[in-house]
């Protein structure tokens, strides 16, 4: 099997379980399409290249981290 190239199509599926999933999902509205159910967020992303998918993943993670920090700040953590 050949090693994947940055120009290959790619996809990922991500499931996040968090007690404040609703608040975290609100922060993702402009980043990615998602499904929210109770305390779970489900995300499926695909892209025309691994490089593009990696950039989307990085944006998603930055958004989740910022949202979680904002939630923690409002709780006084």
PDB file of N, CA and C in Angstrom:
ATOM      1  N   UNK A   1       0.840  -1.185   0.000  1.00  0.00           N
ATOM      2  CA  UNK A   1       0.000   0.000   0.000  1.00  0.00           C
ATOM      3  C   UNK A   1       0.886   1.250   0.000  1.00  0.00           C
ATOM      4  N   UNK A   2       0.596   2.170  -0.884  1.00  0.00           N
ATOM      5  CA  UNK A   2       1.375   3.396  -1.004  1.00  0.00           C
ATOM      6  C   UNK A   2       1.032   4.363   0.130  1.00  0.00           C
ATOM      7  N   UNK A   3       2.005   5.151   0.505  1.00  0.00           N
ATOM      8  CA  UNK A   3       1.774   6.178   1.527  1.00  0.00           C
ATOM      9  C   UNK A   3       0.839   7.248   0.979  1.00  0.00           C
ATOM     10  N   UNK A   4      -0.057   7.771   1.822  1.00  0.00           N
ATOM     11  CA  UNK A   4      -0.947   8.829   1.341  1.00  0.00           C
ATOM     12  C   UNK A   4      -0.156  10.104   1.018  1.00  0.00           C
ATOM     13  N   UNK A   5      -0.669  10.832   0.050  1.00  0.00           N
ATOM     14  CA  UNK A   5      -0.057  12.096  -0.345  1.00  0.00           C
ATOM     15  C   UNK A   5      -0.938  13.235   0.142  1.00  0.00           C
ATOM     16  N   UNK A   6      -0.341  14.393   0.342  1.00  0.00           N
ATOM     17  CA  UNK A   6      -1.094  15.556   0.813  1.00  0.00           C
ATOM     18  C   UNK A   6      -2.231  15.929  -0.131  1.00  0.00           C
ATOM     19  N   UNK A   7      -2.125  15.539  -1.387  1.00  0.00           N
ATOM     20  CA  UNK A   7      -3.158  15.889  -2.369  1.00  0.00           C
ATOM     21  C   UNK A   7      -4.283  14.857  -2.434  1.00  0.00           C
ATOM     22  N   UNK A   8      -4.192  13.758  -1.659  1.00  0.00           N
ATOM     23  CA  UNK A   8      -5.246  12.739  -1.649  1.00  0.00           C
ATOM     24  C   UNK A   8      -6.482  13.230  -0.908  1.00  0.00           C
ATOM     25  N   UNK A   9      -7.646  12.782  -1.354  1.00  0.00           N
ATOM     26  CA  UNK A   9      -8.888  13.076  -0.636  1.00  0.00           C
ATOM     27  C   UNK A   9      -8.833  12.416   0.744  1.00  0.00           C
ATOM     28  N   UNK A  10      -9.509  13.026   1.702  1.00  0.00           N
ATOM     29  CA  UNK A  10      -9.478  12.494   3.066  1.00  0.00           C
ATOM     30  C   UNK A  10     -10.751  12.872   3.802  1.00  0.00           C
ATOM     31  N   UNK A  11     -10.999  12.163   4.907  1.00  0.00           N
ATOM     32  CA  UNK A  11     -12.161  12.464   5.741  1.00  0.00           C
ATOM     33  C   UNK A  11     -11.874  12.019   7.173  1.00  0.00           C
ATOM     34  N   UNK A  12     -12.649  12.564   8.102  1.00  0.00           N
ATOM     35  CA  UNK A  12     -12.592  12.089   9.472  1.00  0.00           C
ATOM     36  C   UNK A  12     -13.982  12.145  10.082  1.00  0.00           C
ATOM     37  N   UNK A  13     -14.168  11.353  11.113  1.00  0.00           N
ATOM     38  CA  UNK A  13     -15.368  11.386  11.938  1.00  0.00           C
ATOM     39  C   UNK A  13     -14.906  11.611  13.364  1.00  0.00           C
ATOM     40  N   UNK A  14     -15.627  12.458  14.083  1.00  0.00           N
ATOM     41  CA  UNK A  14     -15.221  12.858  15.427  1.00  0.00           C
ATOM     42  C   UNK A  14     -16.457  12.885  16.311  1.00  0.00           C
ATOM     43  N   UNK A  15     -16.372  12.253  17.454  1.00  0.00           N
ATOM     44  CA  UNK A  15     -17.464  12.264  18.415  1.00  0.00           C
ATOM     45  C   UNK A  15     -16.911  12.800  19.726  1.00  0.00           C
ATOM     46  N   UNK A  16     -17.535  13.840  20.240  1.00  0.00           N
ATOM     47  CA  UNK A  16     -17.113  14.488  21.471  1.00  0.00           C
ATOM     48  C   UNK A  16     -18.217  14.341  22.502  1.00  0.00           C
ATOM     49  N   UNK A  17     -17.872  13.850  23.655  1.00  0.00           N
ATOM     50  CA  UNK A  17     -18.814  13.763  24.774  1.00  0.00           C
ATOM     51  C   UNK A  17     -18.318  14.732  25.844  1.00  0.00           C
ATOM     52  N   UNK A  18     -19.175  15.662  26.247  1.00  0.00           N
ATOM     53  CA  UNK A  18     -18.770  16.708  27.196  1.00  0.00           C
ATOM     54  C   UNK A  18     -20.012  17.173  27.947  1.00  0.00           C
ATOM     55  N   UNK A  19     -19.857  17.482  29.212  1.00  0.00           N
ATOM     56  CA  UNK A  19     -21.017  17.917  30.007  1.00  0.00           C
ATOM     57  C   UNK A  19     -21.602  19.240  29.512  1.00  0.00           C
ATOM     58  N   UNK A  20     -20.790  20.056  28.852  1.00  0.00           N
ATOM     59  CA  UNK A  20     -21.257  21.326  28.281  1.00  0.00           C
ATOM     60  C   UNK A  20     -21.243  21.283  26.760  1.00  0.00           C
ATOM     61  N   UNK A  21     -21.606  20.154  26.193  1.00  0.00           N
ATOM     62  CA  UNK A  21     -21.555  19.979  24.734  1.00  0.00           C
ATOM     63  C   UNK A  21     -22.424  21.003  24.008  1.00  0.00           C
ATOM     64  N   UNK A  22     -23.546  21.369  24.596  1.00  0.00           N
ATOM     65  CA  UNK A  22     -24.422  22.345  23.935  1.00  0.00           C
ATOM     66  C   UNK A  22     -23.699  23.682  23.773  1.00  0.00           C
ATOM     67  N   UNK A  23     -23.030  24.126  24.814  1.00  0.00           N
ATOM     68  CA  UNK A  23     -22.292  25.391  24.745  1.00  0.00           C
ATOM     69  C   UNK A  23     -21.122  25.280  23.766  1.00  0.00           C
ATOM     70  N   UNK A  24     -20.433  24.156  23.781  1.00  0.00           N
ATOM     71  CA  UNK A  24     -19.314  23.976  22.859  1.00  0.00           C
ATOM     72  C   UNK A  24     -19.801  23.950  21.413  1.00  0.00           C
ATOM     73  N   UNK A  25     -20.936  23.313  21.179  1.00  0.00           N
ATOM     74  CA  UNK A  25     -21.454  23.235  19.814  1.00  0.00           C
ATOM     75  C   UNK A  25     -21.848  24.613  19.285  1.00  0.00           C
ATOM     76  N   UNK A  26     -22.294  25.494  20.163  1.00  0.00           N
ATOM     77  CA  UNK A  26     -22.651  26.846  19.735  1.00  0.00           C
ATOM     78  C   UNK A  26     -21.432  27.568  19.167  1.00  0.00           C
ATOM     79  N   UNK A  27     -20.267  27.274  19.701  1.00  0.00           N
ATOM     80  CA  UNK A  27     -19.041  27.884  19.206  1.00  0.00           C
ATOM     81  C   UNK A  27     -18.568  27.314  17.882  1.00  0.00           C
ATOM     82  N   UNK A  28     -19.160  26.207  17.454  1.00  0.00           N
ATOM     83  CA  UNK A  28     -18.757  25.563  16.206  1.00  0.00           C
ATOM     84  C   UNK A  28     -19.624  25.956  15.016  1.00  0.00           C
ATOM     85  N   UNK A  29     -20.633  26.745  15.244  1.00  0.00           N
ATOM     86  CA  UNK A  29     -21.620  27.058  14.215  1.00  0.00           C
ATOM     87  C   UNK A  29     -20.991  27.563  12.925  1.00  0.00           C
ATOM     88  N   UNK A  30     -19.970  28.388  13.012  1.00  0.00           N
ATOM     89  CA  UNK A  30     -19.343  28.922  11.800  1.00  0.00           C
ATOM     90  C   UNK A  30     -18.168  28.077  11.326  1.00  0.00           C
ATOM     91  N   UNK A  31     -17.784  27.066  12.095  1.00  0.00           N
ATOM     92  CA  UNK A  31     -16.608  26.257  11.758  1.00  0.00           C
ATOM     93  C   UNK A  31     -16.935  25.006  10.953  1.00  0.00           C
ATOM     94  N   UNK A  32     -18.002  24.290  11.337  1.00  0.00           N
ATOM     95  CA  UNK A  32     -18.235  22.957  10.800  1.00  0.00           C
ATOM     96  C   UNK A  32     -19.712  22.582  10.962  1.00  0.00           C
ATOM     97  N   UNK A  33     -20.194  21.708  10.093  1.00  0.00           N
ATOM     98  CA  UNK A  33     -21.527  21.141  10.281  1.00  0.00           C
ATOM     99  C   UNK A  33     -21.409  20.033  11.312  1.00  0.00           C
ATOM    100  N   UNK A  34     -22.351  19.985  12.218  1.00  0.00           N
ATOM    101  CA  UNK A  34     -22.286  18.995  13.291  1.00  0.00           C
ATOM    102  C   UNK A  34     -23.689  18.553  13.668  1.00  0.00           C
ATOM    103  N   UNK A  35     -23.747  17.466  14.426  1.00  0.00           N
ATOM    104  CA  UNK A  35     -25.000  16.983  15.010  1.00  0.00           C
ATOM    105  C   UNK A  35     -24.814  17.021  16.514  1.00  0.00           C
ATOM    106  N   UNK A  36     -25.732  17.681  17.195  1.00  0.00           N
ATOM    107  CA  UNK A  36     -25.699  17.746  18.662  1.00  0.00           C
ATOM    108  C   UNK A  36     -26.838  16.902  19.202  1.00  0.00           C
ATOM    109  N   UNK A  37     -26.542  16.069  20.186  1.00  0.00           N
ATOM    110  CA  UNK A  37     -27.556  15.241  20.828  1.00  0.00           C
ATOM    111  C   UNK A  37     -27.151  15.042  22.282  1.00  0.00           C
ATOM    112  N   UNK A  38     -27.957  15.552  23.205  1.00  0.00           N
ATOM    113  CA  UNK A  38     -27.666  15.479  24.643  1.00  0.00           C
ATOM    114  C   UNK A  38     -26.268  16.029  24.907  1.00  0.00           C
ATOM    115  N   UNK A  39     -25.357  15.214  25.384  1.00  0.00           N
ATOM    116  CA  UNK A  39     -24.007  15.683  25.703  1.00  0.00           C
ATOM    117  C   UNK A  39     -22.991  15.242  24.657  1.00  0.00           C
ATOM    118  N   UNK A  40     -23.448  15.028  23.434  1.00  0.00           N
ATOM    119  CA  UNK A  40     -22.563  14.557  22.372  1.00  0.00           C
ATOM    120  C   UNK A  40     -22.600  15.490  21.163  1.00  0.00           C
ATOM    121  N   UNK A  41     -21.442  15.650  20.580  1.00  0.00           N
ATOM    122  CA  UNK A  41     -21.306  16.372  19.317  1.00  0.00           C
ATOM    123  C   UNK A  41     -20.673  15.396  18.332  1.00  0.00           C
ATOM    124  N   UNK A  42     -21.284  15.243  17.174  1.00  0.00           N
ATOM    125  CA  UNK A  42     -20.763  14.356  16.140  1.00  0.00           C
ATOM    126  C   UNK A  42     -20.428  15.193  14.905  1.00  0.00           C
ATOM    127  N   UNK A  43     -19.214  15.002  14.393  1.00  0.00           N
ATOM    128  CA  UNK A  43     -18.739  15.766  13.251  1.00  0.00           C
ATOM    129  C   UNK A  43     -18.183  14.810  12.202  1.00  0.00           C
ATOM    130  N   UNK A  44     -18.550  15.026  10.965  1.00  0.00           N
ATOM    131  CA  UNK A  44     -17.964  14.294   9.842  1.00  0.00           C
ATOM    132  C   UNK A  44     -17.500  15.334   8.837  1.00  0.00           C
ATOM    133  N   UNK A  45     -16.211  15.300   8.516  1.00  0.00           N
ATOM    134  CA  UNK A  45     -15.639  16.247   7.570  1.00  0.00           C
ATOM    135  C   UNK A  45     -14.924  15.487   6.464  1.00  0.00           C
ATOM    136  N   UNK A  46     -14.963  16.022   5.269  1.00  0.00           N
ATOM    137  CA  UNK A  46     -14.181  15.484   4.168  1.00  0.00           C
ATOM    138  C   UNK A  46     -13.613  16.661   3.385  1.00  0.00           C
ATOM    139  N   UNK A  47     -12.528  16.387   2.686  1.00  0.00           N
ATOM    140  CA  UNK A  47     -11.872  17.441   1.914  1.00  0.00           C
ATOM    141  C   UNK A  47     -11.190  16.825   0.701  1.00  0.00           C
ATOM    142  N   UNK A  48     -10.891  17.679  -0.263  1.00  0.00           N
ATOM    143  CA  UNK A  48     -10.243  17.229  -1.489  1.00  0.00           C
ATOM    144  C   UNK A  48      -8.766  16.910  -1.300  1.00  0.00           C
ATOM    145  N   UNK A  49      -8.211  17.294  -0.148  1.00  0.00           N
ATOM    146  CA  UNK A  49      -6.805  16.987   0.112  1.00  0.00           C
ATOM    147  C   UNK A  49      -6.580  16.804   1.608  1.00  0.00           C
ATOM    148  N   UNK A  50      -5.549  16.043   1.937  1.00  0.00           N
ATOM    149  CA  UNK A  50      -5.197  15.847   3.338  1.00  0.00           C
ATOM    150  C   UNK A  50      -4.783  17.175   3.959  1.00  0.00           C
ATOM    151  N   UNK A  51      -4.091  17.996   3.197  1.00  0.00           N
ATOM    152  CA  UNK A  51      -3.655  19.301   3.709  1.00  0.00           C
ATOM    153  C   UNK A  51      -4.855  20.169   4.080  1.00  0.00           C
ATOM    154  N   UNK A  52      -5.891  20.170   3.243  1.00  0.00           N
ATOM    155  CA  UNK A  52      -7.095  20.945   3.534  1.00  0.00           C
ATOM    156  C   UNK A  52      -7.813  20.381   4.755  1.00  0.00           C
ATOM    157  N   UNK A  53      -7.898  19.079   4.857  1.00  0.00           N
ATOM    158  CA  UNK A  53      -8.557  18.461   6.006  1.00  0.00           C
ATOM    159  C   UNK A  53      -7.795  18.764   7.294  1.00  0.00           C
ATOM    160  N   UNK A  54      -6.490  18.764   7.215  1.00  0.00           N
ATOM    161  CA  UNK A  54      -5.676  19.099   8.392  1.00  0.00           C
ATOM    162  C   UNK A  54      -5.951  20.527   8.839  1.00  0.00           C
ATOM    163  N   UNK A  55      -6.066  21.457   7.908  1.00  0.00           N
ATOM    164  CA  UNK A  55      -6.370  22.849   8.250  1.00  0.00           C
ATOM    165  C   UNK A  55      -7.747  22.949   8.907  1.00  0.00           C
ATOM    166  N   UNK A  56      -8.716  22.220   8.391  1.00  0.00           N
ATOM    167  CA  UNK A  56     -10.053  22.215   8.988  1.00  0.00           C
ATOM    168  C   UNK A  56     -10.021  21.639  10.400  1.00  0.00           C
ATOM    169  N   UNK A  57      -9.240  20.553  10.577  1.00  0.00           N
ATOM    170  CA  UNK A  57      -9.097  19.931  11.900  1.00  0.00           C
ATOM    171  C   UNK A  57      -8.493  20.937  12.892  1.00  0.00           C
ATOM    172  N   UNK A  58      -7.459  21.638  12.469  1.00  0.00           N
ATOM    173  CA  UNK A  58      -6.826  22.623  13.342  1.00  0.00           C
ATOM    174  C   UNK A  58      -7.805  23.726  13.730  1.00  0.00           C
ATOM    175  N   UNK A  59      -8.601  24.200  12.788  1.00  0.00           N
ATOM    176  CA  UNK A  59      -9.609  25.224  13.090  1.00  0.00           C
ATOM    177  C   UNK A  59     -10.640  24.693  14.072  1.00  0.00           C
ATOM    178  N   UNK A  60     -11.067  23.458  13.867  1.00  0.00           N
ATOM    179  CA  UNK A  60     -12.025  22.835  14.770  1.00  0.00           C
ATOM    180  C   UNK A  60     -11.457  22.766  16.179  1.00  0.00           C
ATOM    181  N   UNK A  61     -10.228  22.310  16.323  1.00  0.00           N
ATOM    182  CA  UNK A  61      -9.624  22.175  17.647  1.00  0.00           C
ATOM    183  C   UNK A  61      -9.450  23.528  18.322  1.00  0.00           C
ATOM    184  N   UNK A  62      -9.020  24.539  17.571  1.00  0.00           N
ATOM    185  CA  UNK A  62      -8.888  25.875  18.152  1.00  0.00           C
ATOM    186  C   UNK A  62     -10.243  26.393  18.621  1.00  0.00           C
ATOM    187  N   UNK A  63     -11.285  26.149  17.831  1.00  0.00           N
ATOM    188  CA  UNK A  63     -12.627  26.577  18.231  1.00  0.00           C
ATOM    189  C   UNK A  63     -13.116  25.863  19.472  1.00  0.00           C
ATOM    190  N   UNK A  64     -12.878  24.575  19.562  1.00  0.00           N
ATOM    191  CA  UNK A  64     -13.294  23.810  20.746  1.00  0.00           C
ATOM    192  C   UNK A  64     -12.534  24.267  21.991  1.00  0.00           C
ATOM    193  N   UNK A  65     -11.242  24.479  21.851  1.00  0.00           N
ATOM    194  CA  UNK A  65     -10.438  24.927  22.993  1.00  0.00           C
ATOM    195  C   UNK A  65     -10.918  26.292  23.474  1.00  0.00           C
ATOM    196  N   UNK A  66     -11.146  27.220  22.553  1.00  0.00           N
ATOM    197  CA  UNK A  66     -11.623  28.555  22.925  1.00  0.00           C
ATOM    198  C   UNK A  66     -12.996  28.478  23.580  1.00  0.00           C
ATOM    199  N   UNK A  67     -13.874  27.642  23.036  1.00  0.00           N
ATOM    200  CA  UNK A  67     -15.220  27.503  23.609  1.00  0.00           C
ATOM    201  C   UNK A  67     -15.155  26.912  25.008  1.00  0.00           C
ATOM    202  N   UNK A  68     -14.320  25.895  25.198  1.00  0.00           N
ATOM    203  CA  UNK A  68     -14.215  25.289  26.523  1.00  0.00           C
ATOM    204  C   UNK A  68     -13.625  26.271  27.538  1.00  0.00           C
ATOM    205  N   UNK A  69     -12.654  27.058  27.121  1.00  0.00           N
ATOM    206  CA  UNK A  69     -12.081  28.060  28.021  1.00  0.00           C
ATOM    207  C   UNK A  69     -13.108  29.124  28.383  1.00  0.00           C
ATOM    208  N   UNK A  70     -13.945  29.515  27.434  1.00  0.00           N
ATOM    209  CA  UNK A  70     -14.993  30.500  27.716  1.00  0.00           C
ATOM    210  C   UNK A  70     -16.015  29.925  28.696  1.00  0.00           C
ATOM    211  N   UNK A  71     -16.399  28.677  28.506  1.00  0.00           N
ATOM    212  CA  UNK A  71     -17.347  28.024  29.413  1.00  0.00           C
ATOM    213  C   UNK A  71     -16.742  27.933  30.811  1.00  0.00           C
ATOM    214  N   UNK A  72     -15.484  27.534  30.889  1.00  0.00           N
ATOM    215  CA  UNK A  72     -14.817  27.418  32.193  1.00  0.00           C
ATOM    216  C   UNK A  72     -14.737  28.778  32.891  1.00  0.00           C
ATOM    217  N   UNK A  73     -14.479  29.834  32.132  1.00  0.00           N
ATOM    218  CA  UNK A  73     -14.389  31.179  32.709  1.00  0.00           C
ATOM    219  C   UNK A  73     -15.732  31.619  33.278  1.00  0.00           C
ATOM    220  N   UNK A  74     -16.819  31.271  32.614  1.00  0.00           N
ATOM    221  CA  UNK A  74     -18.137  31.672  33.123  1.00  0.00           C
ATOM    222  C   UNK A  74     -18.537  30.890  34.364  1.00  0.00           C
ATOM    223  N   UNK A  75     -17.963  29.678  34.515  1.00  0.00           N
ATOM    224  CA  UNK A  75     -18.226  28.877  35.719  1.00  0.00           C
ATOM    225  C   UNK A  75     -17.310  29.281  36.858  1.00  0.00           C
ATOM    226  N   UNK A  76     -16.268  30.008  36.550  1.00  0.00           N
ATOM    227  CA  UNK A  76     -15.312  30.412  37.568  1.00  0.00           C
ATOM    228  C   UNK A  76     -14.232  29.380  37.815  1.00  0.00           C
ATOM    229  N   UNK A  77     -14.009  28.486  36.861  1.00  0.00           N
ATOM    230  CA  UNK A  77     -12.959  27.465  37.011  1.00  0.00           C
ATOM    231  C   UNK A  77     -11.580  28.066  36.879  1.00  0.00           C
TER     232      UNK A  77
END
